[in-house]
Protein backbone atom coordinates (compact mmCIF):
# COMPACT_ATOMS: atom_id res chain seq x y z
CA SER A 1 0.00 0.00 0.00
CA ASP A 2 0.99 3.66 -0.35
CA ASP A 3 3.34 4.61 2.48
CA GLU A 4 3.51 8.32 1.63
CA ASP A 5 0.66 9.31 3.93
CA GLY A 6 2.19 9.81 7.38
CA PHE A 7 3.68 13.30 7.07
CA VAL A 8 1.32 15.99 5.84
CA SER A 9 3.42 19.18 6.11
CA MET A 10 6.38 20.70 7.95
CA ASP A 11 7.58 24.09 9.24
CA THR A 12 10.91 24.95 10.88
CA ALA A 13 12.28 27.70 13.14
CA TRP A 14 15.91 28.09 14.24
CA GLY A 15 17.56 30.29 16.85
CA ASP A 16 20.47 30.36 19.24
CA GLY A 17 20.82 27.00 20.94
CA GLN A 18 17.74 25.25 19.59
CA GLY A 19 15.56 24.58 16.59
CA HIS A 20 11.98 23.46 16.15
CA VAL A 21 10.46 21.34 13.44
CA VAL A 22 6.67 21.33 13.51
CA VAL A 23 5.35 18.30 11.63
CA SER A 24 1.75 17.71 10.71
CA VAL A 25 1.31 13.95 10.89
CA THR A 26 -1.62 11.59 10.38
CA ARG A 27 -2.34 8.98 13.03
CA GLY A 28 -4.55 6.21 11.74
CA GLN A 29 -7.52 4.75 13.58
CA LEU A 30 -6.35 1.15 13.55
CA THR A 31 -7.55 -1.01 16.43
CA GLY A 32 -5.07 -1.11 19.31
CA ILE A 33 -2.70 1.57 18.02
CA ASN A 34 -2.61 4.35 20.58
CA ARG A 35 0.26 6.58 19.52
CA ALA A 36 2.13 7.88 16.48
CA CYS A 37 5.83 8.19 17.35
CA VAL A 38 7.77 10.81 15.37
CA TYR A 39 11.58 10.94 15.23
CA GLY A 40 13.87 13.48 13.60
CA TRP A 41 17.59 13.62 12.80
CA ILE A 42 19.53 16.48 11.23
CA ASP A 43 22.74 15.61 9.40
CA TRP A 44 24.74 18.79 10.20
CA GLY A 45 28.01 17.32 8.90
CA ASN A 46 26.44 16.17 5.61
CA ASP A 47 28.22 12.87 6.28
CA GLY A 48 25.22 10.55 6.53
CA PHE A 49 22.59 9.99 9.20
CA GLY A 50 23.88 8.44 12.40
CA VAL A 51 27.44 9.67 11.84
CA ASN A 52 29.21 12.19 14.12
CA THR A 53 27.33 15.48 14.42
CA ASP A 54 23.62 14.66 14.04
CA SER A 55 20.95 16.30 16.19
CA TYR A 56 18.06 14.15 17.39
CA ALA A 57 14.52 14.81 18.64
CA THR A 58 11.34 12.81 19.16
CA GLY A 59 7.67 13.39 19.92
CA HIS A 60 4.32 11.61 19.68
CA ARG A 61 0.55 12.02 19.16
CA THR A 62 -2.20 9.95 20.75
CA ASP A 63 -5.27 11.43 19.03
CA SER A 64 -6.40 10.15 15.63
CA GLY A 65 -6.47 12.09 12.37
CA ASN A 66 -4.21 14.99 11.37
CA GLY A 67 -2.36 16.95 14.06
CA VAL A 68 1.01 18.44 14.83
CA VAL A 69 4.07 17.21 16.68
CA THR A 70 6.83 19.69 17.57
CA LEU A 71 10.32 18.25 17.56
CA THR A 72 12.75 20.38 19.58
CA PHE A 73 16.42 20.04 18.67
CA SER A 74 18.60 21.39 21.48
CA THR A 75 21.84 19.38 21.30
CA GLY A 76 24.40 19.08 18.55
CA LEU A 77 23.35 22.28 16.75
CA PRO A 78 26.05 24.38 15.10
CA ALA A 79 26.84 27.72 16.72
CA SER A 80 24.84 30.68 15.46
CA GLY A 81 26.48 31.94 12.29
CA TYR A 82 27.95 28.50 11.51
CA PHE A 83 24.93 26.76 10.00
CA PRO A 84 25.74 25.05 6.70
CA PRO A 85 24.10 26.45 3.55
CA SER A 86 21.94 23.32 3.46
CA THR A 87 21.61 19.90 5.05
CA TYR A 88 19.06 17.10 5.40
CA LEU A 89 16.40 16.36 7.98
CA ARG A 90 15.23 12.76 8.27
CA LEU A 91 11.74 12.21 9.69
CA ARG A 92 10.45 8.83 10.75
CA VAL A 93 6.98 7.93 12.05
CA VAL A 94 5.89 4.56 13.45
CA SER A 95 2.94 3.40 15.51
CA SER A 96 3.09 2.04 19.03
CA THR A 97 0.51 0.00 20.93
CA THR A 98 2.17 0.77 24.27
CA SER A 99 2.49 3.89 26.42
CA SER A 100 5.97 4.59 25.03
CA CYS A 101 7.69 4.88 21.67
CA PRO A 102 10.16 2.20 20.52
CA ALA A 103 13.87 3.03 20.38
CA LEU A 104 14.69 3.62 16.71
CA GLY A 105 17.69 4.97 14.87
CA PRO A 106 17.83 6.90 11.59
CA THR A 107 18.34 3.67 9.64
CA GLY A 108 17.21 0.09 9.98
CA PRO A 109 13.87 -1.72 9.94
CA ALA A 110 10.66 -0.97 11.82
CA ALA A 111 7.44 -2.96 11.93
CA ASP A 112 5.51 -0.17 10.17
CA GLY A 113 5.69 3.52 9.44
CA GLU A 114 7.29 5.90 7.05
CA ILE A 115 10.65 7.61 6.60
CA GLU A 116 11.25 10.80 4.62
CA ASP A 117 14.26 13.05 3.99
CA HIS A 118 13.81 16.82 3.60
CA LEU A 119 16.34 19.41 2.45
CA LEU A 120 16.81 22.26 4.93
CA SER A 121 18.25 25.48 3.49
CA PHE A 122 19.90 28.14 5.65
CA SER A 123 20.91 30.42 2.77
CA PRO A 124 19.66 33.99 2.93
CA LEU A 125 16.57 34.96 0.99
CA ALA A 126 16.82 37.19 -2.06
CA VAL A 127 17.14 40.81 -0.96
CA GLU A 128 18.76 43.59 -2.95
CA LEU A 129 20.08 46.42 -0.77
CA ALA A 130 20.07 50.06 -1.88
CA GLY A 131 22.21 51.01 1.09
CA PHE A 132 23.43 49.98 4.53
CA GLY A 133 24.99 52.20 7.17
CA ALA A 134 26.16 52.23 10.77
CA THR A 135 26.42 55.30 12.99
CA ALA A 136 28.19 55.33 16.38
CA SER A 137 26.54 57.07 19.32
CA PRO A 138 27.08 57.14 23.11
CA ASP A 139 24.29 54.55 23.47
CA GLY A 140 25.70 52.12 20.91
CA VAL A 141 25.54 51.73 17.15
CA THR A 142 22.51 52.55 15.00
CA LEU A 143 22.10 50.43 11.88
CA ALA A 144 20.00 51.56 8.94
CA TRP A 145 19.33 49.95 5.58
CA GLU A 146 17.05 50.35 2.60
CA THR A 147 16.06 47.65 0.15
CA VAL A 148 15.49 47.92 -3.58
CA SER A 149 13.57 44.66 -3.68
CA GLU A 150 12.50 41.87 -1.34
CA ILE A 151 11.09 38.47 -2.27
CA ASP A 152 9.07 36.66 0.44
CA VAL A 153 10.99 38.33 3.30
CA ALA A 154 9.44 37.95 6.75
CA GLY A 155 12.16 39.95 8.51
CA PHE A 156 15.89 40.47 8.88
CA ASN A 157 18.47 38.76 11.08
CA LEU A 158 21.58 40.82 11.71
CA TYR A 159 24.86 39.29 12.85
CA ARG A 160 28.02 40.91 14.15
CA GLY A 161 31.55 39.61 14.55
CA GLU A 162 34.91 40.84 15.78
CA THR A 163 36.43 40.01 12.38
CA ALA A 164 35.07 39.58 8.85
CA SER A 165 35.42 35.79 9.20
CA GLY A 166 33.48 35.57 12.50
CA PRO A 167 32.56 34.06 14.81
CA TRP A 168 29.17 35.67 14.38
CA ALA A 169 26.51 36.49 16.98
CA GLN A 170 22.96 37.55 16.20
CA VAL A 171 22.08 41.11 17.32
């Protein structure tokens, strides 16, 4: 049967020290199944899942139908300003007939479920600047910029560093 029916949609948010992946997942109404267990791995090193620098998170749902599970990644994340341009997120969902989720890794068999890989991009969105300036004052530094064009921009994240090569910290 078609196994591409567990994950419905996904949204992500990243900040200093943690990241969230909100997954909309379907839990079937099969007799005896009382939870949908959702697992996530992020391959920060782009060296394969389960190798070296992966981040891991898990969550579950007990109600049937479509609903969301938020996976919170708080260990193994790169420092702010050191995210790769892109990497992969592996999502895995299985059912459990007990009050807990089975221990599963990013690879290997499971009795049922689905596994999907998603590309995560951390590259900046397309913005063309008309100008950018910084003015020193007794209270700090005032930054000002003007854009010529913006495509699907929800906001701006500004980073500062002691040198041009970083390390960078979000202001």
